[in-house]
Structures are given as C-alpha cells and as structure tokens.
Amino acid sequence: MPLWQIYHPFGTFEDDASKQNFAEDITKMYTDLGLPAFYVVTHFHRMDGSNVFLGGKPTPKGKTPFVRVIITHIAIHVPDIDAMYLRTTSRLDQVMKPHLLDMGYDFEYHVDETERRLWKINSLIPPPYKSDEEQLWVKENRPLSYEGAYPPVTKQATL
C-alpha cells in the first residue's frame, strides 16, 4: 500500500479541491502500475508553525511554506538498481511538481519500503502483485477473500 503523509503549514492545502487533486494524482501514479486504487492512502497533516523546526529553529512567519512528505511503499518495492531509484524519484517529482514546486513551496520527501509480509488489509494477506486475485481487487476496488488470504498460523516464535 502506498501511504503518503503530507505535513504542511497553515495556508497550504486549505481547500478540499487542492487536497483532492493532489490525492488523485498520487493515486493515478499507482493505478497506472496496476495497483488497486483503494491501496493508496493520503493523509494531510496541517502543522502549526510553532511545531515545525528547520535546522533547530522555528519556522519564521512569512517564510516560504515548507512541506514534508513521507511515503511508505508496501505493495511493490523499487528494485535495488540506481537507475530504477532515479526513475522512481523522477516520477514522484512529476506528481509533486504541480502541487508543491509550482506553488512555490519548499519541500522534502523520502520513501520507506516496508516488508510486504508484515502487511494485511482487513486481516487478509494482499494477493501477489499482478496476480489474478489482485486484478479482481483492482476491478472491485476492495479487498476480497481468496485462497491463501488466511494462511495457517504456526506455533513459531512471535513478538
């Protein structure tokens, strides 16, 4: 599941349309890869300037707005190849450009990749990427039970 957490100051993303448009562009990036739309979660976190420090200093009023984006990828991971990382960050830049750079905001982002085996939706193990089961999830745009969604629990060590 791609999870985008967008930390932004007051005065940015104040209207529903700006958030909706950004979330739709984010979602399109992943549905173009074949993922179900419902996998994509976008959270907008409005931050009071007194709670944001850059270089140990509070963000001064009237300064260019600073937006921090944390992206978590779970459903699919970028292959450990420099060219693929560059391709991925270039695509992320394209998605963010009209919503951040073109708005004159300063911003920073990073991507975490979470181990897929620690991910469930409604207690279901999501089907493998581009599998027939996942294609059904794409079509229905919701999680559905399938063979293998509930593996047997073993008595191995757990946390």
Protein backbone atom coordinates (compact mmCIF):
# COMPACT_ATOMS: atom_id res chain seq x y z
CA MET A 1 0.00 0.00 0.00
CA PRO A 2 1.38 3.37 -0.79
CA LEU A 3 0.86 5.67 2.19
CA TRP A 4 1.60 9.35 1.69
CA GLN A 5 1.78 11.54 4.78
CA ILE A 6 1.92 15.21 3.85
CA TYR A 7 2.91 17.57 6.68
CA HIS A 8 2.06 21.12 5.68
CA PRO A 9 1.72 24.54 7.33
CA PHE A 10 -1.43 26.59 7.69
CA GLY A 11 -2.19 28.39 4.45
CA THR A 12 -1.36 25.38 2.28
CA PHE A 13 -3.87 22.72 1.22
CA GLU A 14 -6.62 24.69 2.97
CA ASP A 15 -9.35 23.81 0.48
CA ASP A 16 -10.76 20.40 -0.30
CA ALA A 17 -10.04 20.76 -4.03
CA SER A 18 -6.27 21.16 -3.59
CA LYS A 19 -6.11 18.06 -1.37
CA GLN A 20 -8.40 16.08 -3.67
CA ASN A 21 -6.37 16.96 -6.78
CA PHE A 22 -3.09 16.01 -5.12
CA ALA A 23 -4.54 12.73 -3.79
CA GLU A 24 -5.96 11.89 -7.23
CA ASP A 25 -2.59 12.49 -8.91
CA ILE A 26 -0.88 10.32 -6.29
CA THR A 27 -3.45 7.55 -6.77
CA LYS A 28 -3.11 7.67 -10.57
CA MET A 29 0.63 7.08 -10.31
CA TYR A 30 -0.05 3.75 -8.58
CA THR A 31 -3.10 2.65 -10.54
CA ASP A 32 -1.01 3.19 -13.69
CA LEU A 33 1.27 0.49 -12.24
CA GLY A 34 -1.71 -1.84 -11.89
CA LEU A 35 -2.44 -1.45 -8.18
CA PRO A 36 -5.99 -1.15 -6.83
CA ALA A 37 -6.97 2.46 -6.13
CA PHE A 38 -8.01 1.63 -2.57
CA TYR A 39 -4.40 0.69 -1.75
CA VAL A 40 -3.42 4.37 -1.97
CA VAL A 41 -3.86 6.31 1.26
CA THR A 42 -3.05 10.02 1.53
CA HIS A 43 -3.05 11.85 4.87
CA PHE A 44 -2.77 15.62 5.08
CA HIS A 45 -1.38 16.78 8.42
CA ARG A 46 -1.70 20.53 8.96
CA MET A 47 1.10 21.73 11.22
CA ASP A 48 1.16 24.90 13.30
CA GLY A 49 4.39 26.79 12.57
CA SER A 50 5.33 26.66 16.25
CA ASN A 51 5.62 22.87 15.91
CA VAL A 52 7.93 22.85 12.88
CA PHE A 53 11.65 23.48 13.27
CA LEU A 54 14.16 23.65 10.43
CA GLY A 55 17.79 23.48 11.49
CA GLY A 56 16.71 23.71 15.11
CA LYS A 57 14.88 26.99 14.57
CA PRO A 58 11.11 27.55 14.46
CA THR A 59 9.76 28.28 11.00
CA PRO A 60 9.56 32.08 10.71
CA LYS A 61 6.22 33.64 9.76
CA GLY A 62 6.12 34.88 6.18
CA LYS A 63 8.80 32.41 5.07
CA THR A 64 8.22 30.19 2.06
CA PRO A 65 5.96 27.34 3.24
CA PHE A 66 7.84 24.10 3.94
CA VAL A 67 6.08 20.80 3.25
CA ARG A 68 7.45 17.41 4.35
CA VAL A 69 6.24 14.26 2.61
CA ILE A 70 6.81 10.76 3.94
CA ILE A 71 5.94 7.97 1.51
CA THR A 72 5.70 4.34 2.54
CA HIS A 73 5.66 1.63 -0.10
CA ILE A 74 4.48 -1.84 0.83
CA ALA A 75 2.65 -3.39 -2.14
CA ILE A 76 5.62 -3.15 -4.51
CA HIS A 77 9.24 -2.19 -3.99
CA VAL A 78 11.77 -0.49 -6.23
CA PRO A 79 14.45 -2.92 -7.44
CA ASP A 80 17.87 -2.20 -5.89
CA ILE A 81 19.20 -0.62 -9.08
CA ASP A 82 20.33 3.02 -9.19
CA ALA A 83 18.54 3.67 -12.50
CA MET A 84 15.26 2.38 -11.02
CA TYR A 85 15.62 4.60 -7.95
CA LEU A 86 16.23 7.59 -10.22
CA ARG A 87 13.24 6.66 -12.39
CA THR A 88 11.04 6.33 -9.29
CA THR A 89 12.11 9.63 -7.73
CA SER A 90 11.70 11.36 -11.09
CA ARG A 91 8.12 10.07 -11.27
CA LEU A 92 7.49 11.21 -7.70
CA ASP A 93 8.87 14.64 -8.64
CA GLN A 94 6.39 14.81 -11.54
CA VAL A 95 3.48 14.01 -9.23
CA MET A 96 4.55 16.59 -6.65
CA LYS A 97 5.56 19.38 -9.05
CA PRO A 98 2.13 20.98 -9.67
CA HIS A 99 1.12 20.70 -6.02
CA LEU A 100 4.35 21.79 -4.33
CA LEU A 101 7.09 23.15 -6.57
CA ASP A 102 4.78 25.10 -8.87
CA MET A 103 3.07 26.56 -5.79
CA GLY A 104 6.40 27.99 -4.65
CA TYR A 105 6.68 25.73 -1.59
CA ASP A 106 9.93 24.33 -0.26
CA PHE A 107 9.58 20.60 0.25
CA GLU A 108 11.39 17.42 1.04
CA TYR A 109 10.36 13.79 0.76
CA HIS A 110 11.65 10.32 1.34
CA VAL A 111 10.37 6.83 0.65
CA ASP A 112 10.37 3.92 3.09
CA GLU A 113 9.78 0.40 1.88
CA THR A 114 8.06 -1.82 4.42
CA GLU A 115 8.34 -5.59 4.31
CA ARG A 116 5.28 -6.86 2.44
CA ARG A 117 4.96 -9.90 4.72
CA LEU A 118 4.03 -7.55 7.60
CA TRP A 119 1.08 -6.04 5.70
CA LYS A 120 -2.58 -7.03 5.85
CA ILE A 121 -5.88 -5.44 4.84
CA ASN A 122 -8.93 -6.45 6.87
CA SER A 123 -6.77 -9.34 8.18
CA LEU A 124 -6.27 -10.57 4.60
CA ILE A 125 -2.82 -11.05 3.12
CA PRO A 126 -2.97 -8.97 -0.06
CA PRO A 127 -2.58 -11.09 -3.17
CA PRO A 128 0.70 -11.09 -5.09
CA TYR A 129 1.35 -8.16 -7.42
CA LYS A 130 -0.39 -8.53 -10.80
CA SER A 131 -1.91 -11.90 -9.81
CA ASP A 132 -5.42 -12.85 -10.92
CA GLU A 133 -6.60 -12.26 -7.34
CA GLU A 134 -5.11 -8.78 -7.28
CA GLN A 135 -6.68 -7.99 -10.65
CA LEU A 136 -10.06 -8.86 -9.09
CA TRP A 137 -9.25 -6.45 -6.24
CA VAL A 138 -8.47 -3.80 -8.88
CA LYS A 139 -11.75 -4.46 -10.67
CA GLU A 140 -13.85 -4.45 -7.47
CA ASN A 141 -11.70 -1.74 -5.80
CA ARG A 142 -11.94 -3.50 -2.46
CA PRO A 143 -10.31 -6.42 -0.63
CA LEU A 144 -11.84 -9.83 -1.25
CA SER A 145 -11.15 -13.19 0.31
CA TYR A 146 -9.21 -15.65 -1.84
CA GLU A 147 -7.36 -18.94 -1.39
CA GLY A 148 -4.21 -18.15 0.58
CA ALA A 149 -5.51 -14.93 2.13
CA TYR A 150 -5.60 -16.59 5.58
CA PRO A 151 -2.54 -18.81 5.94
CA PRO A 152 -2.48 -21.33 8.77
CA VAL A 153 -0.96 -20.00 11.99
CA THR A 154 2.02 -21.95 13.26
CA LYS A 155 3.41 -22.06 16.79
CA GLN A 156 6.65 -20.35 15.84
CA ALA A 157 8.10 -17.55 17.91
CA THR A 158 6.34 -14.19 17.61
CA LEU A 159 6.82 -10.85 19.28
